[in-house]
Amino acid sequence: MNAPHATPWTEPDVPVAPNPPATAPVDVPTFWPRFPAAALQGVDTGAIVWSEVVPGGGHWSWRMPRGTAIRFVALEDGPNLSLVLYSALEKLERYNMPDSLKAQHTAHYTRGHVLMSDMGRAMASFTADSTGWHDPLGALLDHERMTARYGDKPYAAARNGMHRSGKDGLLIEIGKYGLGKRDLIAPVNLFSKVQVDAQGRFVFEPGHAPAGSFVELRFDMDAILAVSAAPHALDPNPAYAPKKVGLVAWRCGPAPADDACRAFRPENARALHNTDMLYA
């Protein structure tokens, strides 16, 4: 785990689940029983395949099969988690922010929304959300903006107290799959809220997601998911203080016929149908 800046997560004195799933991986740390209980409501704990904690400023990536879900949990007040999605079957297909927003007539994401690819397919769907707003427009904190705002703290000088930008973190992760700078796309910034004021300027809302907030994505196709827990590019905090986020993944199955995301908008139903046809 690449874990710049943040001190190690101190787990509260809560017992590990006494009966982990029989299919649980061997010798893998079990983090999810220590997440806030309210943030795990609706999670099928018998189908959990892994859990993880991404430290503030850290980054990671996974290959998520179709029919799995991740619950993202704020473990501290005011986190930001930037994510990008690519098809694991054909990496030239990836999340398309403009198409996803205009098809759903929205400028933010919450339960019912679908992340669509540039091929008109559903890549992932928001199946649960306690905050009601996740930012698709605020882009990524890059090294230049980070250094100008927070100063330069490279690993050679600061070790685990280093500063790392969201852009650098995601480039490191997608590079593991043969992707590079030209492949880096607009992210979705989970747990962050950005609105537009009367002058047309983006306005970041500090503290939008308190500890215990959660949001859930179901993966509608086999996808490469990369995340960074670096600060949001518009966060006005003068200190580099990214927050940790917990993840728990389980097998949920593909979207059913009566899925709430299918019914949310006809465009969503078409995108999910297009993905279903890929796997027919």
Protein backbone atom coordinates (compact mmCIF):
# COMPACT_ATOMS: atom_id res chain seq x y z
CA MET A 1 0.00 0.00 0.00
CA ASN A 2 1.34 3.40 -0.94
CA ALA A 3 0.58 5.39 2.19
CA PRO A 4 2.08 8.88 2.15
CA HIS A 5 1.51 11.46 4.85
CA ALA A 6 -0.95 9.82 7.21
CA THR A 7 0.04 8.01 10.38
CA PRO A 8 -1.01 4.35 10.52
CA TRP A 9 -4.67 3.77 11.25
CA THR A 10 -5.20 2.83 14.89
CA GLU A 11 -7.94 0.24 15.00
CA PRO A 12 -10.50 0.73 17.79
CA ASP A 13 -10.95 -2.05 20.31
CA VAL A 14 -13.75 -3.81 18.46
CA PRO A 15 -13.66 -7.59 18.04
CA VAL A 16 -13.24 -9.08 14.60
CA ALA A 17 -16.35 -10.75 13.22
CA PRO A 18 -16.49 -14.16 14.94
CA ASN A 19 -17.64 -16.07 11.89
CA PRO A 20 -15.93 -14.77 8.73
CA PRO A 21 -17.21 -16.18 5.43
CA ALA A 22 -15.95 -19.70 4.68
CA THR A 23 -14.59 -18.40 1.38
CA ALA A 24 -12.63 -15.54 3.00
CA PRO A 25 -9.03 -15.27 1.72
CA VAL A 26 -6.36 -16.71 3.99
CA ASP A 27 -3.89 -14.43 5.81
CA VAL A 28 -5.63 -11.22 4.68
CA PRO A 29 -6.30 -8.50 7.30
CA THR A 30 -10.00 -8.07 8.05
CA PHE A 31 -10.72 -4.36 8.36
CA TRP A 32 -14.46 -4.09 7.80
CA PRO A 33 -15.67 -5.20 11.29
CA ARG A 34 -13.95 -2.08 12.62
CA PHE A 35 -15.80 0.31 10.32
CA PRO A 36 -18.76 2.24 11.79
CA ALA A 37 -21.63 -0.24 12.05
CA ALA A 38 -24.19 2.16 10.59
CA ALA A 39 -22.07 2.51 7.43
CA LEU A 40 -22.28 -1.24 6.81
CA GLN A 41 -26.07 -1.56 6.83
CA GLY A 42 -27.16 -3.39 3.69
CA VAL A 43 -23.76 -5.01 3.09
CA ASP A 44 -23.96 -8.78 2.64
CA THR A 45 -21.26 -9.69 5.14
CA GLY A 46 -21.48 -13.35 4.13
CA ALA A 47 -20.34 -12.46 0.61
CA ILE A 48 -17.43 -10.14 1.49
CA VAL A 49 -14.28 -10.88 -0.53
CA TRP A 50 -11.92 -8.23 0.88
CA SER A 51 -11.68 -4.97 2.81
CA GLU A 52 -9.04 -2.27 2.89
CA VAL A 53 -8.12 1.10 4.38
CA VAL A 54 -6.63 3.73 2.05
CA PRO A 55 -4.67 6.23 4.21
CA GLY A 56 -4.98 9.94 3.57
CA GLY A 57 -2.91 10.73 0.48
CA GLY A 58 -2.60 7.04 -0.39
CA HIS A 59 -3.67 5.30 -3.58
CA TRP A 60 -4.52 1.80 -4.74
CA SER A 61 -6.20 -0.14 -7.54
CA TRP A 62 -8.15 -3.33 -8.15
CA ARG A 63 -9.68 -5.35 -10.96
CA MET A 64 -13.36 -5.54 -10.06
CA PRO A 65 -15.46 -8.31 -11.65
CA ARG A 66 -18.97 -7.69 -12.93
CA GLY A 67 -21.47 -8.33 -10.16
CA THR A 68 -19.31 -7.14 -7.27
CA ALA A 69 -19.81 -4.01 -5.15
CA ILE A 70 -17.68 -1.74 -2.97
CA ARG A 71 -18.92 0.23 0.00
CA PHE A 72 -16.67 3.29 0.53
CA VAL A 73 -16.71 4.53 4.14
CA ALA A 74 -15.42 7.84 5.50
CA LEU A 75 -13.24 6.94 8.50
CA GLU A 76 -12.58 10.61 9.31
CA ASP A 77 -14.43 13.86 8.72
CA GLY A 78 -14.13 15.41 5.28
CA PRO A 79 -12.36 12.83 3.08
CA ASN A 80 -11.95 12.93 -0.68
CA LEU A 81 -11.50 9.82 -2.80
CA SER A 82 -10.82 10.37 -6.50
CA LEU A 83 -11.54 7.37 -8.72
CA VAL A 84 -11.19 6.44 -12.38
CA LEU A 85 -12.64 3.45 -14.25
CA TYR A 86 -11.47 1.48 -17.29
CA SER A 87 -12.96 -1.62 -18.88
CA ALA A 88 -10.90 -4.66 -17.93
CA LEU A 89 -11.95 -6.32 -21.21
CA GLU A 90 -10.84 -3.44 -23.45
CA LYS A 91 -8.89 -0.65 -21.75
CA LEU A 92 -9.67 1.82 -24.55
CA GLU A 93 -13.20 1.86 -23.13
CA ARG A 94 -13.35 3.99 -20.01
CA TYR A 95 -15.59 6.22 -17.89
CA ASN A 96 -16.85 9.25 -19.80
CA MET A 97 -17.80 12.19 -17.60
CA PRO A 98 -19.58 14.38 -20.21
CA ASP A 99 -21.77 11.54 -21.50
CA SER A 100 -22.65 10.35 -18.00
CA LEU A 101 -23.70 13.83 -16.84
CA LYS A 102 -25.66 14.93 -19.90
CA ALA A 103 -27.47 11.58 -20.24
CA GLN A 104 -28.68 11.83 -16.65
CA HIS A 105 -29.29 15.62 -16.62
CA THR A 106 -27.13 16.11 -13.55
CA ALA A 107 -23.99 17.85 -12.29
CA HIS A 108 -23.40 15.52 -9.35
CA TYR A 109 -23.80 11.84 -8.48
CA THR A 110 -25.86 10.02 -5.88
CA ARG A 111 -27.94 6.84 -5.53
CA GLY A 112 -29.56 5.87 -8.83
CA HIS A 113 -26.89 7.38 -11.07
CA VAL A 114 -24.76 5.30 -13.43
CA LEU A 115 -21.15 5.85 -14.52
CA MET A 116 -21.23 5.36 -18.30
CA SER A 117 -18.40 4.53 -20.66
CA ASP A 118 -17.59 6.23 -23.95
CA MET A 119 -19.31 3.24 -25.59
CA GLY A 120 -22.65 3.98 -23.94
CA ARG A 121 -22.39 1.14 -21.45
CA ALA A 122 -22.90 1.16 -17.69
CA MET A 123 -19.59 0.60 -15.93
CA ALA A 124 -20.76 1.05 -12.35
CA SER A 125 -23.89 2.20 -10.54
CA PHE A 126 -24.50 4.13 -7.32
CA THR A 127 -26.61 1.71 -5.31
CA ALA A 128 -26.41 3.37 -1.86
CA ASP A 129 -25.37 6.80 -0.61
CA SER A 130 -25.62 8.62 2.70
CA THR A 131 -24.37 12.04 1.52
CA GLY A 132 -26.44 12.77 -1.60
CA TRP A 133 -23.68 14.48 -3.58
CA HIS A 134 -20.39 13.36 -5.12
CA ASP A 135 -18.36 15.64 -7.37
CA PRO A 136 -17.65 14.78 -11.04
CA LEU A 137 -16.36 18.21 -12.10
CA GLY A 138 -13.60 19.30 -9.73
CA ALA A 139 -10.77 17.38 -11.46
CA LEU A 140 -7.55 16.36 -9.70
CA LEU A 141 -4.99 18.00 -7.48
CA ASP A 142 -1.77 18.04 -9.52
CA HIS A 143 1.82 18.40 -8.31
CA GLU A 144 2.14 22.07 -9.27
CA ARG A 145 -1.03 23.17 -7.46
CA MET A 146 -0.18 20.98 -4.49
CA THR A 147 3.33 22.43 -4.15
CA ALA A 148 2.11 26.01 -4.50
CA ARG A 149 -0.50 25.49 -1.78
CA TYR A 150 1.18 23.15 0.69
CA GLY A 151 4.89 23.30 -0.09
CA ASP A 152 7.13 20.54 -1.38
CA LYS A 153 7.60 17.46 0.80
CA PRO A 154 9.11 14.66 -1.31
CA TYR A 155 9.58 11.14 0.02
CA ALA A 156 13.37 11.53 0.14
CA ALA A 157 12.96 14.28 2.74
CA ALA A 158 9.69 13.50 4.51
CA ARG A 159 9.30 9.71 4.13
CA ASN A 160 5.71 8.78 5.09
CA GLY A 161 4.99 12.46 5.75
CA MET A 162 5.41 13.23 2.06
CA HIS A 163 2.88 15.15 0.00
CA ARG A 164 1.44 13.28 -2.99
CA SER A 165 -1.09 14.67 -5.44
CA GLY A 166 -4.16 12.87 -6.70
CA LYS A 167 -2.86 13.06 -10.25
CA ASP A 168 0.46 11.43 -9.39
CA GLY A 169 -1.25 8.75 -7.32
CA LEU A 170 -3.63 7.78 -10.09
CA LEU A 171 -0.86 7.79 -12.70
CA ILE A 172 1.10 5.36 -10.54
CA GLU A 173 -1.93 3.07 -10.26
CA ILE A 174 -3.05 3.02 -13.90
CA GLY A 175 0.56 2.49 -14.93
CA LYS A 176 0.29 -0.97 -13.35
CA TYR A 177 -2.15 -1.87 -16.16
CA GLY A 178 -0.15 -0.44 -19.06
CA LEU A 179 -1.94 2.92 -19.07
CA GLY A 180 -0.21 6.30 -19.05
CA LYS A 181 -0.64 10.08 -19.01
CA ARG A 182 -2.74 10.16 -22.17
CA ASP A 183 -5.14 7.67 -20.58
CA LEU A 184 -5.81 9.65 -17.40
CA ILE A 185 -9.46 10.72 -17.45
CA ALA A 186 -11.63 13.07 -15.41
CA PRO A 187 -12.21 11.43 -12.02
CA VAL A 188 -15.21 11.10 -9.76
CA ASN A 189 -14.46 12.72 -6.40
CA LEU A 190 -16.36 10.70 -3.81
CA PHE A 191 -17.38 12.46 -0.58
CA SER A 192 -16.74 15.93 -2.09
CA LYS A 193 -19.35 18.57 -2.95
CA VAL A 194 -18.69 21.34 -5.48
CA GLN A 195 -21.40 23.81 -6.48
CA VAL A 196 -21.49 26.83 -8.81
CA ASP A 197 -22.05 30.30 -7.36
CA ALA A 198 -23.90 33.24 -8.93
CA GLN A 199 -20.72 34.29 -10.76
CA GLY A 200 -20.28 30.84 -12.30
CA ARG A 201 -17.35 29.86 -10.10
CA PHE A 202 -16.87 26.44 -8.52
CA VAL A 203 -17.34 26.50 -4.75
CA PHE A 204 -16.05 23.63 -2.58
CA GLU A 205 -18.05 22.74 0.54
CA PRO A 206 -15.69 21.80 3.41
CA GLY A 207 -16.74 18.99 5.72
CA HIS A 208 -19.42 17.71 3.35
CA ALA A 209 -19.00 14.07 4.47
CA PRO A 210 -18.59 13.43 8.22
CA ALA A 211 -16.98 10.28 9.54
CA GLY A 212 -19.31 7.33 9.01
CA SER A 213 -20.61 8.59 5.66
CA PHE A 214 -20.72 5.98 2.92
CA VAL A 215 -21.35 5.48 -0.77
CA GLU A 216 -21.63 2.24 -2.71
CA LEU A 217 -20.78 1.28 -6.27
CA ARG A 218 -21.92 -1.91 -8.03
CA PHE A 219 -19.67 -2.88 -10.92
CA ASP A 220 -21.78 -3.60 -13.99
CA MET A 221 -18.82 -4.72 -16.10
CA ASP A 222 -15.35 -6.10 -15.38
CA ALA A 223 -13.49 -2.92 -14.52
CA ILE A 224 -10.12 -1.57 -13.50
CA LEU A 225 -10.66 0.78 -10.56
CA ALA A 226 -7.94 3.16 -9.36
CA VAL A 227 -8.36 5.51 -6.38
CA SER A 228 -6.45 8.29 -4.64
CA ALA A 229 -7.23 9.74 -1.21
CA ALA A 230 -5.30 12.98 -1.84
CA PRO A 231 -7.09 16.29 -1.09
CA HIS A 232 -9.61 17.67 -3.56
CA ALA A 233 -8.12 20.22 -5.97
CA LEU A 234 -10.48 22.95 -4.67
CA ASP A 235 -10.22 22.18 -0.95
CA PRO A 236 -9.40 25.55 0.71
CA ASN A 237 -7.67 23.96 3.73
CA PRO A 238 -4.19 25.58 3.86
CA ALA A 239 -2.71 22.42 5.40
CA TYR A 240 -2.12 19.13 3.60
CA ALA A 241 -4.47 16.96 5.66
CA PRO A 242 -6.02 14.15 3.57
CA LYS A 243 -8.30 11.68 5.35
CA LYS A 244 -8.48 7.88 5.35
CA VAL A 245 -11.25 5.91 3.64
CA GLY A 246 -12.35 2.33 4.25
CA LEU A 247 -13.46 -0.05 1.50
CA VAL A 248 -15.34 -3.32 1.72
CA ALA A 249 -16.06 -5.42 -1.39
CA TRP A 250 -18.54 -8.25 -1.78
CA ARG A 251 -20.33 -10.31 -4.41
CA CYS A 252 -23.75 -8.82 -5.12
CA GLY A 253 -24.59 -10.16 -8.60
CA PRO A 254 -25.43 -8.14 -11.73
CA ALA A 255 -28.21 -5.55 -11.79
CA PRO A 256 -31.61 -7.28 -11.58
CA ALA A 257 -34.58 -6.44 -13.78
CA ASP A 258 -36.15 -4.32 -11.03
CA ASP A 259 -32.91 -2.49 -10.21
CA ALA A 260 -33.41 1.06 -8.90
CA CYS A 261 -30.68 2.39 -11.18
CA ARG A 262 -32.46 0.92 -14.25
CA ALA A 263 -35.64 2.72 -13.23
CA PHE A 264 -33.90 5.99 -12.35
CA ARG A 265 -33.83 7.22 -15.96
CA PRO A 266 -34.46 5.60 -19.35
CA GLU A 267 -30.88 6.46 -20.33
CA ASN A 268 -29.65 4.39 -17.40
CA ALA A 269 -31.78 1.44 -18.49
CA ARG A 270 -30.28 1.62 -21.98
CA ALA A 271 -26.72 1.81 -20.62
CA LEU A 272 -27.31 -1.21 -18.38
CA HIS A 273 -28.92 -3.08 -21.28
CA ASN A 274 -25.89 -2.32 -23.45
CA THR A 275 -23.62 -3.81 -20.78
CA ASP A 276 -25.89 -6.84 -20.33
CA MET A 277 -25.65 -7.48 -24.08
CA LEU A 278 -21.85 -7.54 -23.78
CA TYR A 279 -22.16 -10.47 -21.38
CA ALA A 280 -25.15 -12.23 -23.01
